[in-house]
Amino acid sequence: MSSLAAARADNFYYAPDFDPDKHGTLNKYNGQHALRDRAKNIDKGILVIRFEVPFHIWCTKCGEKIAQGERFNADKRGIGHYHSTRIWQFSMRHHCGCIITIQSDPKHCDYIVVEGAKKKVEGVQSAAEAGVIELTDDAEKERLLKDPIYRHS
């Protein structure tokens, strides 16, 4: 295998003046971080990640629905701790120009929408919507528990 084929195989180019003892790594030699542009604000504690929206939200600026699972480039920063668990904040820009901020909530194992959007509330409003029989009083509950014929009618 020629040296060009070997360089292409592992995709590293070593300049003629590169010395591992003097320069250490190729990243230090080239003056860049291993994560490239994703780590441009790493000195401020911000890393750019690909964030997937954990639930349906509505943009407060344009009113557009952002579906669960939609992906954005987001700034990830640590903003505190809950016991020993880190609290993360994710800031992303919607196409309308609005900045949406979501942070983790380790206490409730959930995420909180801080600004730029509101969470879509999904739930049933009544027992009929849920397809469940609504019991009116305690006497009917007792009868259902004790009388198997009444239960199946």
Protein backbone atom coordinates (compact mmCIF):
# COMPACT_ATOMS: atom_id res chain seq x y z
CA MET A 1 0.00 0.00 0.00
CA SER A 2 1.40 3.39 -0.91
CA SER A 3 1.77 6.11 1.68
CA LEU A 4 -1.00 8.13 0.02
CA ALA A 5 -3.41 5.21 0.33
CA ALA A 6 -2.45 4.79 3.98
CA ALA A 7 -3.06 8.48 4.68
CA ARG A 8 -6.43 8.27 2.97
CA ALA A 9 -7.35 5.17 4.98
CA ASP A 10 -7.13 6.83 8.38
CA ASN A 11 -7.81 10.36 7.09
CA PHE A 12 -4.92 12.00 8.95
CA TYR A 13 -2.36 14.21 7.31
CA TYR A 14 0.92 14.66 9.13
CA ALA A 15 2.79 17.74 7.92
CA PRO A 16 6.54 17.33 7.32
CA ASP A 17 7.36 19.63 10.25
CA PHE A 18 4.98 17.85 12.68
CA ASP A 19 6.80 16.38 15.69
CA PRO A 20 4.70 14.40 18.18
CA ASP A 21 7.17 15.10 21.01
CA LYS A 22 7.07 18.84 20.36
CA HIS A 23 3.44 19.40 19.30
CA GLY A 24 1.64 16.60 21.16
CA THR A 25 -1.47 16.04 19.03
CA LEU A 26 -2.62 17.04 15.56
CA ASN A 27 -5.34 19.22 17.13
CA LYS A 28 -2.77 21.21 19.08
CA TYR A 29 -0.56 21.44 16.01
CA ASN A 30 -3.45 22.78 13.89
CA GLY A 31 -4.70 25.04 16.72
CA GLN A 32 -8.21 23.61 16.94
CA HIS A 33 -10.39 21.74 19.40
CA ALA A 34 -11.24 18.09 18.76
CA LEU A 35 -14.95 18.98 18.51
CA ARG A 36 -14.27 21.76 15.95
CA ASP A 37 -17.08 24.36 15.72
CA ARG A 38 -19.24 22.63 18.31
CA ALA A 39 -16.76 23.70 21.00
CA LYS A 40 -16.26 27.34 19.97
CA ASN A 41 -17.73 28.53 23.33
CA ILE A 42 -16.39 25.70 25.47
CA ASP A 43 -14.47 28.21 27.60
CA LYS A 44 -17.87 29.66 28.65
CA GLY A 45 -19.20 26.16 29.41
CA ILE A 46 -21.35 25.97 26.27
CA LEU A 47 -21.31 23.01 23.91
CA VAL A 48 -23.38 22.87 20.71
CA ILE A 49 -25.36 19.62 20.52
CA ARG A 50 -28.19 18.18 18.46
CA PHE A 51 -31.27 18.43 20.72
CA GLU A 52 -34.52 16.57 20.15
CA VAL A 53 -37.65 18.22 21.57
CA PRO A 54 -38.99 15.87 24.29
CA PHE A 55 -42.69 16.79 23.87
CA HIS A 56 -44.99 18.86 21.66
CA ILE A 57 -44.56 22.63 22.16
CA TRP A 58 -46.02 25.82 20.67
CA CYS A 59 -43.74 28.70 19.67
CA THR A 60 -44.89 31.86 21.48
CA LYS A 61 -43.68 34.18 18.71
CA CYS A 62 -45.16 32.63 15.56
CA GLY A 63 -47.66 30.20 17.14
CA GLU A 64 -46.34 27.22 15.17
CA LYS A 65 -46.50 23.75 16.67
CA ILE A 66 -43.12 22.08 17.12
CA ALA A 67 -43.58 18.34 17.18
CA GLN A 68 -42.02 15.95 19.63
CA GLY A 69 -38.78 14.58 18.21
CA GLU A 70 -37.97 17.59 16.02
CA ARG A 71 -34.23 18.27 16.14
CA PHE A 72 -32.40 21.55 16.64
CA ASN A 73 -28.81 22.64 17.12
CA ALA A 74 -28.80 23.81 20.73
CA ASP A 75 -26.38 25.39 23.18
CA LYS A 76 -26.03 23.04 26.13
CA ARG A 77 -24.90 24.56 29.43
CA GLY A 78 -24.96 23.40 33.02
CA ILE A 79 -26.87 25.79 35.27
CA GLY A 80 -26.86 24.00 38.61
CA HIS A 81 -27.30 20.78 40.53
CA TYR A 82 -30.16 18.87 42.09
CA HIS A 83 -28.36 16.84 44.74
CA SER A 84 -25.57 15.29 42.65
CA THR A 85 -27.41 15.43 39.30
CA ARG A 86 -26.54 18.22 36.91
CA ILE A 87 -29.31 20.54 35.65
CA TRP A 88 -28.85 21.25 31.93
CA GLN A 89 -30.24 24.14 29.93
CA PHE A 90 -30.72 23.91 26.15
CA SER A 91 -31.17 27.08 24.07
CA MET A 92 -32.13 26.76 20.42
CA ARG A 93 -33.27 29.15 17.71
CA HIS A 94 -36.57 28.54 15.93
CA HIS A 95 -36.81 29.49 12.23
CA CYS A 96 -38.96 32.53 13.14
CA GLY A 97 -36.05 33.97 15.15
CA CYS A 98 -37.42 33.07 18.59
CA ILE A 99 -35.00 31.54 21.08
CA ILE A 100 -36.54 28.55 22.86
CA THR A 101 -35.02 27.52 26.18
CA ILE A 102 -35.70 24.15 27.80
CA GLN A 103 -34.06 22.85 30.96
CA SER A 104 -33.92 19.46 32.62
CA ASP A 105 -35.84 18.85 35.84
CA PRO A 106 -34.20 15.90 37.60
CA LYS A 107 -36.52 16.21 40.61
CA HIS A 108 -39.56 15.25 38.51
CA CYS A 109 -37.65 13.35 35.75
CA ASP A 110 -38.95 15.79 33.15
CA TYR A 111 -38.09 18.92 31.16
CA ILE A 112 -39.33 22.48 31.74
CA VAL A 113 -39.93 25.02 28.98
CA VAL A 114 -38.34 28.21 30.35
CA GLU A 115 -38.94 30.70 27.52
CA GLY A 116 -39.91 31.07 23.87
CA ALA A 117 -42.51 28.31 23.84
CA LYS A 118 -45.21 26.66 25.88
CA LYS A 119 -45.77 22.96 26.44
CA LYS A 120 -48.78 21.41 24.76
CA VAL A 121 -51.00 19.98 27.48
CA GLU A 122 -52.19 16.55 26.47
CA GLY A 123 -54.67 14.89 28.71
CA VAL A 124 -58.27 13.81 29.02
CA GLN A 125 -60.79 16.31 30.34
CA SER A 126 -63.49 13.86 31.44
CA ALA A 127 -64.07 10.20 32.19
CA ALA A 128 -66.15 9.84 28.99
CA GLU A 129 -63.19 10.97 26.84
CA ALA A 130 -60.97 8.43 28.56
CA GLY A 131 -63.54 5.66 28.00
CA VAL A 132 -63.93 4.99 31.72
CA ILE A 133 -67.13 4.64 33.71
CA GLU A 134 -67.53 7.50 36.17
CA LEU A 135 -68.78 6.41 39.58
CA THR A 136 -71.14 8.85 41.22
CA ASP A 137 -71.26 7.88 44.90
CA ASP A 138 -69.85 5.53 47.53
CA ALA A 139 -72.95 3.30 47.56
CA GLU A 140 -72.50 2.47 43.88
CA LYS A 141 -68.80 1.73 44.45
CA GLU A 142 -69.68 -0.69 47.27
CA ARG A 143 -72.31 -2.43 45.15
CA LEU A 144 -69.82 -2.88 42.29
CA LEU A 145 -67.31 -4.45 44.66
CA LYS A 146 -69.74 -6.83 46.38
CA ASP A 147 -72.28 -7.77 43.66
CA PRO A 148 -70.72 -9.58 40.66
CA ILE A 149 -74.05 -9.64 38.75
CA TYR A 150 -74.43 -5.86 39.02
CA ARG A 151 -70.81 -5.47 37.94
CA HIS A 152 -71.40 -7.23 34.58
CA SER A 153 -74.72 -5.63 33.71
